[in-house]
Structures are given as structure tokens and as C-alpha cells.
PDB file of N, CA and C in Angstrom:
ATOM      1  N   UNK A   1      -9.070   5.880 -10.819  1.00  0.00           N
ATOM      2  CA  UNK A   1     -10.353   5.907 -10.400  1.00  0.00           C
ATOM      3  C   UNK A   1     -11.511   4.908 -11.131  1.00  0.00           C
ATOM      4  N   UNK A   2     -11.964   4.162 -10.650  1.00  0.00           N
ATOM      5  CA  UNK A   2     -13.088   3.168 -11.241  1.00  0.00           C
ATOM      6  C   UNK A   2     -12.410   1.836 -11.476  1.00  0.00           C
ATOM      7  N   UNK A   3     -11.413   1.425 -11.704  1.00  0.00           N
ATOM      8  CA  UNK A   3     -10.864   0.487 -12.325  1.00  0.00           C
ATOM      9  C   UNK A   3     -10.975  -0.811 -11.940  1.00  0.00           C
ATOM     10  N   UNK A   4     -11.296  -1.656 -12.540  1.00  0.00           N
ATOM     11  CA  UNK A   4     -11.621  -3.307 -12.235  1.00  0.00           C
ATOM     12  C   UNK A   4     -10.243  -3.695 -11.649  1.00  0.00           C
ATOM     13  N   UNK A   5     -10.137  -4.725 -10.810  1.00  0.00           N
ATOM     14  CA  UNK A   5      -9.235  -5.339  -9.649  1.00  0.00           C
ATOM     15  C   UNK A   5      -8.258  -5.855 -10.863  1.00  0.00           C
ATOM     16  N   UNK A   6      -8.888  -6.311 -11.905  1.00  0.00           N
ATOM     17  CA  UNK A   6      -7.149  -7.117 -12.949  1.00  0.00           C
ATOM     18  C   UNK A   6      -6.614  -5.896 -13.654  1.00  0.00           C
ATOM     19  N   UNK A   7      -7.303  -4.387 -14.132  1.00  0.00           N
ATOM     20  CA  UNK A   7      -6.744  -3.348 -14.288  1.00  0.00           C
ATOM     21  C   UNK A   7      -5.860  -2.651 -13.435  1.00  0.00           C
ATOM     22  N   UNK A   8      -6.338  -2.704 -12.036  1.00  0.00           N
ATOM     23  CA  UNK A   8      -5.370  -2.511 -11.310  1.00  0.00           C
ATOM     24  C   UNK A   8      -4.282  -2.797 -10.579  1.00  0.00           C
ATOM     25  N   UNK A   9      -4.172  -4.254 -10.739  1.00  0.00           N
ATOM     26  CA  UNK A   9      -3.275  -4.942 -10.534  1.00  0.00           C
ATOM     27  C   UNK A   9      -2.388  -5.105 -11.806  1.00  0.00           C
ATOM     28  N   UNK A  10      -3.005  -5.032 -12.837  1.00  0.00           N
ATOM     29  CA  UNK A  10      -1.838  -4.870 -13.956  1.00  0.00           C
ATOM     30  C   UNK A  10      -1.098  -3.246 -13.923  1.00  0.00           C
ATOM     31  N   UNK A  11      -1.618  -2.218 -13.496  1.00  0.00           N
ATOM     32  CA  UNK A  11      -1.105  -1.506 -13.586  1.00  0.00           C
ATOM     33  C   UNK A  11      -0.138  -1.166 -12.121  1.00  0.00           C
ATOM     34  N   UNK A  12      -0.198  -1.574 -11.288  1.00  0.00           N
ATOM     35  CA  UNK A  12       0.482  -1.724  -9.856  1.00  0.00           C
ATOM     36  C   UNK A  12       1.566  -2.320 -10.348  1.00  0.00           C
ATOM     37  N   UNK A  13       1.603  -3.381 -11.249  1.00  0.00           N
ATOM     38  CA  UNK A  13       2.543  -4.327 -11.218  1.00  0.00           C
ATOM     39  C   UNK A  13       3.534  -3.747 -12.427  1.00  0.00           C
ATOM     40  N   UNK A  14       2.961  -3.438 -13.277  1.00  0.00           N
ATOM     41  CA  UNK A  14       3.960  -2.139 -14.416  1.00  0.00           C
ATOM     42  C   UNK A  14       4.747  -1.107 -13.258  1.00  0.00           C
ATOM     43  N   UNK A  15       3.735  -0.676 -12.558  1.00  0.00           N
ATOM     44  CA  UNK A  15       4.950   0.371 -11.661  1.00  0.00           C
ATOM     45  C   UNK A  15       5.896   0.157 -11.067  1.00  0.00           C
ATOM     46  N   UNK A  16       5.839  -1.518 -10.281  1.00  0.00           N
ATOM     47  CA  UNK A  16       6.761  -2.062  -9.685  1.00  0.00           C
ATOM     48  C   UNK A  16       7.739  -2.501 -10.612  1.00  0.00           C
ATOM     49  N   UNK A  17       7.388  -3.020 -11.955  1.00  0.00           N
ATOM     50  CA  UNK A  17       8.218  -2.926 -13.088  1.00  0.00           C
ATOM     51  C   UNK A  17       9.690  -1.509 -12.974  1.00  0.00           C
ATOM     52  N   UNK A  18       8.616  -0.643 -12.901  1.00  0.00           N
ATOM     53  CA  UNK A  18       9.646   0.743 -13.687  1.00  0.00           C
ATOM     54  C   UNK A  18      10.388   1.167 -11.867  1.00  0.00           C
ATOM     55  N   UNK A  19       9.691   0.677 -11.036  1.00  0.00           N
ATOM     56  CA  UNK A  19      10.659   0.926  -9.836  1.00  0.00           C
ATOM     57  C   UNK A  19      11.715   0.161  -9.859  1.00  0.00           C
ATOM     58  N   UNK A  20      11.808  -1.025 -10.273  1.00  0.00           N
ATOM     59  CA  UNK A  20      12.874  -1.740 -10.431  1.00  0.00           C
ATOM     60  C   UNK A  20      14.049  -1.517 -11.425  1.00  0.00           C
ATOM     61  N   UNK A  21      13.837  -0.868 -12.189  1.00  0.00           N
ATOM     62  CA  UNK A  21      14.679  -0.247 -12.928  1.00  0.00           C
ATOM     63  C   UNK A  21      15.378   1.208 -12.991  1.00  0.00           C
ATOM     64  N   UNK A  22      15.261   1.448 -11.319  1.00  0.00           N
ATOM     65  CA  UNK A  22      15.999   2.656 -11.023  1.00  0.00           C
ATOM     66  C   UNK A  22      15.297   3.687 -11.065  1.00  0.00           C
ATOM     67  N   UNK A  23      13.921   3.819 -10.882  1.00  0.00           N
ATOM     68  CA  UNK A  23      12.960   4.801 -11.066  1.00  0.00           C
ATOM     69  C   UNK A  23      12.210   5.015  -9.760  1.00  0.00           C
ATOM     70  N   UNK A  24      12.022   6.217  -9.206  1.00  0.00           N
ATOM     71  CA  UNK A  24      11.140   6.354  -8.009  1.00  0.00           C
ATOM     72  C   UNK A  24       9.515   6.540  -8.437  1.00  0.00           C
ATOM     73  N   UNK A  25       8.835   5.763  -7.991  1.00  0.00           N
ATOM     74  CA  UNK A  25       7.370   5.953  -8.163  1.00  0.00           C
ATOM     75  C   UNK A  25       6.584   6.335  -6.912  1.00  0.00           C
ATOM     76  N   UNK A  26       5.925   7.119  -7.176  1.00  0.00           N
ATOM     77  CA  UNK A  26       5.011   7.490  -6.107  1.00  0.00           C
ATOM     78  C   UNK A  26       3.585   7.416  -6.828  1.00  0.00           C
ATOM     79  N   UNK A  27       2.389   6.712  -5.906  1.00  0.00           N
ATOM     80  CA  UNK A  27       1.153   6.939  -6.540  1.00  0.00           C
ATOM     81  C   UNK A  27       0.034   6.833  -5.186  1.00  0.00           C
ATOM     82  N   UNK A  28      -0.965   7.063  -5.593  1.00  0.00           N
ATOM     83  CA  UNK A  28      -2.203   6.666  -4.612  1.00  0.00           C
ATOM     84  C   UNK A  28      -3.052   5.753  -5.482  1.00  0.00           C
ATOM     85  N   UNK A  29      -3.703   4.987  -3.883  1.00  0.00           N
ATOM     86  CA  UNK A  29      -4.251   3.637  -4.105  1.00  0.00           C
ATOM     87  C   UNK A  29      -5.725   3.945  -3.368  1.00  0.00           C
ATOM     88  N   UNK A  30      -6.405   3.870  -3.331  1.00  0.00           N
ATOM     89  CA  UNK A  30      -7.644   3.543  -2.874  1.00  0.00           C
ATOM     90  C   UNK A  30      -8.117   2.183  -2.360  1.00  0.00           C
ATOM     91  N   UNK A  31      -8.203   1.840  -1.139  1.00  0.00           N
ATOM     92  CA  UNK A  31      -8.413   0.686  -0.667  1.00  0.00           C
ATOM     93  C   UNK A  31      -7.911  -0.778  -1.525  1.00  0.00           C
ATOM     94  N   UNK A  32      -7.072  -0.480  -1.590  1.00  0.00           N
ATOM     95  CA  UNK A  32      -6.313  -1.984  -2.327  1.00  0.00           C
ATOM     96  C   UNK A  32      -6.815  -3.227  -1.897  1.00  0.00           C
ATOM     97  N   UNK A  33      -7.150  -4.804  -2.962  1.00  0.00           N
ATOM     98  CA  UNK A  33      -7.164  -5.580  -2.629  1.00  0.00           C
ATOM     99  C   UNK A  33      -5.411  -6.121  -1.760  1.00  0.00           C
ATOM    100  N   UNK A  34      -5.526  -6.862  -0.894  1.00  0.00           N
ATOM    101  CA  UNK A  34      -4.593  -7.607  -0.083  1.00  0.00           C
ATOM    102  C   UNK A  34      -3.138  -7.786  -1.361  1.00  0.00           C
ATOM    103  N   UNK A  35      -3.767  -8.380  -2.425  1.00  0.00           N
ATOM    104  CA  UNK A  35      -2.305  -8.739  -3.342  1.00  0.00           C
ATOM    105  C   UNK A  35      -1.865  -7.718  -3.765  1.00  0.00           C
ATOM    106  N   UNK A  36      -2.971  -6.584  -4.070  1.00  0.00           N
ATOM    107  CA  UNK A  36      -1.899  -5.192  -4.720  1.00  0.00           C
ATOM    108  C   UNK A  36      -1.011  -4.842  -3.919  1.00  0.00           C
ATOM    109  N   UNK A  37      -1.948  -4.536  -2.326  1.00  0.00           N
ATOM    110  CA  UNK A  37      -1.192  -3.811  -1.415  1.00  0.00           C
ATOM    111  C   UNK A  37      -0.187  -4.551  -0.670  1.00  0.00           C
ATOM    112  N   UNK A  38       0.151  -5.918  -1.207  1.00  0.00           N
ATOM    113  CA  UNK A  38       1.701  -6.573  -1.052  1.00  0.00           C
ATOM    114  C   UNK A  38       2.659  -6.119  -2.290  1.00  0.00           C
ATOM    115  N   UNK A  39       2.491  -5.572  -3.173  1.00  0.00           N
ATOM    116  CA  UNK A  39       2.932  -5.102  -4.143  1.00  0.00           C
ATOM    117  C   UNK A  39       4.009  -4.074  -3.663  1.00  0.00           C
ATOM    118  N   UNK A  40       3.735  -3.099  -2.797  1.00  0.00           N
ATOM    119  CA  UNK A  40       4.473  -1.950  -2.634  1.00  0.00           C
ATOM    120  C   UNK A  40       5.529  -2.469  -1.520  1.00  0.00           C
ATOM    121  N   UNK A  41       6.754  -1.390  -1.631  1.00  0.00           N
ATOM    122  CA  UNK A  41       7.761  -1.972  -0.695  1.00  0.00           C
ATOM    123  C   UNK A  41       7.571  -1.103   0.834  1.00  0.00           C
ATOM    124  N   UNK A  42       6.953   0.347   0.192  1.00  0.00           N
ATOM    125  CA  UNK A  42       6.886   1.629   1.274  1.00  0.00           C
ATOM    126  C   UNK A  42       5.761   2.182   1.083  1.00  0.00           C
ATOM    127  N   UNK A  43       5.050   2.551   2.450  1.00  0.00           N
ATOM    128  CA  UNK A  43       3.778   2.903   2.166  1.00  0.00           C
ATOM    129  C   UNK A  43       3.790   4.100   2.975  1.00  0.00           C
ATOM    130  N   UNK A  44       3.330   5.357   2.914  1.00  0.00           N
ATOM    131  CA  UNK A  44       3.148   6.931   3.671  1.00  0.00           C
ATOM    132  C   UNK A  44       1.521   7.071   3.560  1.00  0.00           C
ATOM    133  N   UNK A  45       1.223   6.741   4.586  1.00  0.00           N
ATOM    134  CA  UNK A  45      -1.055   6.824   5.237  1.00  0.00           C
ATOM    135  C   UNK A  45      -0.407   8.154   5.568  1.00  0.00           C
ATOM    136  N   UNK A  46      -1.543   8.774   5.099  1.00  0.00           N
ATOM    137  CA  UNK A  46      -1.809  10.417   5.971  1.00  0.00           C
ATOM    138  C   UNK A  46      -3.169  10.032   6.592  1.00  0.00           C
ATOM    139  N   UNK A  47      -3.373  10.784   7.344  1.00  0.00           N
ATOM    140  CA  UNK A  47      -5.236  10.635   8.095  1.00  0.00           C
ATOM    141  C   UNK A  47      -4.740  12.157   8.503  1.00  0.00           C
ATOM    142  N   UNK A  48      -6.293  12.874   7.760  1.00  0.00           N
ATOM    143  CA  UNK A  48      -6.200  14.423   7.973  1.00  0.00           C
ATOM    144  C   UNK A  48      -5.338  15.261   7.400  1.00  0.00           C
ATOM    145  N   UNK A  49      -4.462  14.667   6.863  1.00  0.00           N
ATOM    146  CA  UNK A  49      -3.578  15.464   5.881  1.00  0.00           C
ATOM    147  C   UNK A  49      -2.120  15.110   6.681  1.00  0.00           C
ATOM    148  N   UNK A  50      -2.082  14.609   7.745  1.00  0.00           N
ATOM    149  CA  UNK A  50      -1.299  14.191   8.501  1.00  0.00           C
ATOM    150  C   UNK A  50      -0.302  12.657   8.158  1.00  0.00           C
ATOM    151  N   UNK A  51       1.192  12.820   8.294  1.00  0.00           N
ATOM    152  CA  UNK A  51       1.287  11.175   8.141  1.00  0.00           C
ATOM    153  C   UNK A  51       1.193  10.315   9.685  1.00  0.00           C
ATOM    154  N   UNK A  52       0.796   9.369   9.252  1.00  0.00           N
ATOM    155  CA  UNK A  52       0.534   8.485  10.225  1.00  0.00           C
ATOM    156  C   UNK A  52       1.353   7.117  10.480  1.00  0.00           C
ATOM    157  N   UNK A  53       1.502   7.164   9.095  1.00  0.00           N
ATOM    158  CA  UNK A  53       2.636   5.962   9.089  1.00  0.00           C
ATOM    159  C   UNK A  53       3.603   6.348   7.978  1.00  0.00           C
ATOM    160  N   UNK A  54       4.725   6.136   8.091  1.00  0.00           N
ATOM    161  CA  UNK A  54       5.491   5.733   6.347  1.00  0.00           C
ATOM    162  C   UNK A  54       6.799   4.957   6.805  1.00  0.00           C
ATOM    163  N   UNK A  55       6.889   4.289   6.337  1.00  0.00           N
ATOM    164  CA  UNK A  55       7.693   2.787   6.470  1.00  0.00           C
ATOM    165  C   UNK A  55       7.179   1.545   5.724  1.00  0.00           C
ATOM    166  N   UNK A  56       8.348   0.516   5.713  1.00  0.00           N
ATOM    167  CA  UNK A  56       7.767  -0.672   4.796  1.00  0.00           C
ATOM    168  C   UNK A  56       6.316  -1.015   5.295  1.00  0.00           C
ATOM    169  N   UNK A  57       5.516  -1.670   3.955  1.00  0.00           N
ATOM    170  CA  UNK A  57       4.403  -2.023   3.976  1.00  0.00           C
ATOM    171  C   UNK A  57       4.234  -3.308   4.397  1.00  0.00           C
ATOM    172  N   UNK A  58       5.194  -4.027   4.881  1.00  0.00           N
ATOM    173  CA  UNK A  58       5.238  -5.429   5.539  1.00  0.00           C
ATOM    174  C   UNK A  58       5.135  -5.059   7.147  1.00  0.00           C
ATOM    175  N   UNK A  59       5.442  -3.937   7.396  1.00  0.00           N
ATOM    176  CA  UNK A  59       5.693  -3.451   8.649  1.00  0.00           C
ATOM    177  C   UNK A  59       4.695  -3.068   9.631  1.00  0.00           C
ATOM    178  N   UNK A  60       3.720  -2.579   8.601  1.00  0.00           N
ATOM    179  CA  UNK A  60       2.502  -1.276   8.709  1.00  0.00           C
ATOM    180  C   UNK A  60       1.857  -2.166  10.173  1.00  0.00           C
ATOM    181  N   UNK A  61       0.696  -3.259   9.712  1.00  0.00           N
ATOM    182  CA  UNK A  61       0.055  -3.778  10.673  1.00  0.00           C
ATOM    183  C   UNK A  61       1.020  -3.960  12.214  1.00  0.00           C
ATOM    184  N   UNK A  62       1.772  -4.718  12.204  1.00  0.00           N
ATOM    185  CA  UNK A  62       2.119  -4.538  13.288  1.00  0.00           C
ATOM    186  C   UNK A  62       2.913  -3.711  14.339  1.00  0.00           C
ATOM    187  N   UNK A  63       3.149  -2.254  13.106  1.00  0.00           N
ATOM    188  CA  UNK A  63       3.297  -1.054  14.006  1.00  0.00           C
ATOM    189  C   UNK A  63       2.252  -0.622  14.432  1.00  0.00           C
ATOM    190  N   UNK A  64       1.073  -0.374  13.986  1.00  0.00           N
ATOM    191  CA  UNK A  64      -0.272  -0.328  14.123  1.00  0.00           C
ATOM    192  C   UNK A  64      -0.932  -1.335  15.331  1.00  0.00           C
ATOM    193  N   UNK A  65      -0.477  -1.946  15.729  1.00  0.00           N
ATOM    194  CA  UNK A  65      -0.738  -3.213  16.699  1.00  0.00           C
ATOM    195  C   UNK A  65       0.089  -2.751  18.248  1.00  0.00           C
ATOM    196  N   UNK A  66       1.311  -2.430  18.002  1.00  0.00           N
ATOM    197  CA  UNK A  66       1.929  -2.222  18.762  1.00  0.00           C
ATOM    198  C   UNK A  66       1.331  -0.718  19.857  1.00  0.00           C
ATOM    199  N   UNK A  67       0.651  -0.172  18.618  1.00  0.00           N
ATOM    200  CA  UNK A  67      -0.108   1.224  18.965  1.00  0.00           C
ATOM    201  C   UNK A  67      -1.186   1.109  19.636  1.00  0.00           C
ATOM    202  N   UNK A  68      -1.912  -0.283  19.789  1.00  0.00           N
ATOM    203  CA  UNK A  68      -2.977  -0.907  20.386  1.00  0.00           C
ATOM    204  C   UNK A  68      -4.345  -0.627  19.247  1.00  0.00           C
ATOM    205  N   UNK A  69      -4.031  -0.451  17.732  1.00  0.00           N
ATOM    206  CA  UNK A  69      -5.007  -0.353  16.812  1.00  0.00           C
ATOM    207  C   UNK A  69      -4.518  -2.125  15.832  1.00  0.00           C
ATOM    208  N   UNK A  70      -5.584  -2.905  16.509  1.00  0.00           N
ATOM    209  CA  UNK A  70      -5.299  -3.691  15.857  1.00  0.00           C
ATOM    210  C   UNK A  70      -6.040  -4.428  14.349  1.00  0.00           C
ATOM    211  N   UNK A  71      -5.353  -4.962  13.422  1.00  0.00           N
ATOM    212  CA  UNK A  71      -6.092  -5.316  12.298  1.00  0.00           C
ATOM    213  C   UNK A  71      -6.802  -7.315  12.448  1.00  0.00           C
ATOM    214  N   UNK A  72      -8.157  -6.330  12.407  1.00  0.00           N
ATOM    215  CA  UNK A  72      -8.817  -7.689  12.658  1.00  0.00           C
ATOM    216  C   UNK A  72      -8.448  -8.797  11.510  1.00  0.00           C
ATOM    217  N   UNK A  73      -8.559  -9.973  11.714  1.00  0.00           N
ATOM    218  CA  UNK A  73      -8.076 -11.060  11.022  1.00  0.00           C
ATOM    219  C   UNK A  73      -8.954 -11.395   9.937  1.00  0.00           C
ATOM    220  N   UNK A  74      -8.191 -11.171   8.845  1.00  0.00           N
ATOM    221  CA  UNK A  74      -9.151 -11.877   7.481  1.00  0.00           C
ATOM    222  C   UNK A  74      -9.632 -10.547   6.923  1.00  0.00           C
ATOM    223  N   UNK A  75      -8.811  -9.272   7.335  1.00  0.00           N
ATOM    224  CA  UNK A  75      -9.609  -8.125   6.638  1.00  0.00           C
ATOM    225  C   UNK A  75      -8.372  -7.740   6.122  1.00  0.00           C
ATOM    226  N   UNK A  76      -8.437  -6.165   5.440  1.00  0.00           N
ATOM    227  CA  UNK A  76      -7.785  -5.490   5.110  1.00  0.00           C
ATOM    228  C   UNK A  76      -7.747  -4.046   5.145  1.00  0.00           C
TER     229      UNK A  76
END
């Protein structure tokens, strides 16, 4: 909580490195920058304690667009 963007990216990159060495990494993050979000393989998105998406991070915007929830261009 309260990390500057450089430190947040460093920590996420360190977690990615751990996950690539046969480890499961579970973390939470609030409003990550796009480049940090793109480091994630899979995402579990909760709304009011309920799972509304679980799958590949790169497919999340397309998934919600199919449900008519569009992400405006140049936003995250």
C-alpha cells in the first residue's frame, strides 16, 4: 500500500520471476498501471465479494466487451 510506481513494478517483476520458477504466486493489487497489469498471467476480479472474471489477463477486456462493458480507449 502506498508504493511509488517504480517500487510497485519492481515487486511485481520479482513476483513474476518467482512464478517462473515453479511457484504459485497470489497477490492483490489496486489500480495498477497498464504496464504492470500486463505482467500478470491470470486475473481473478472480484465485485462485492463475488468472482466476475477469472482467466487470462490479456483476454479480460475482450471478455467484458462481449458482455457490453467496453473499456474506453487509452484508459485502464
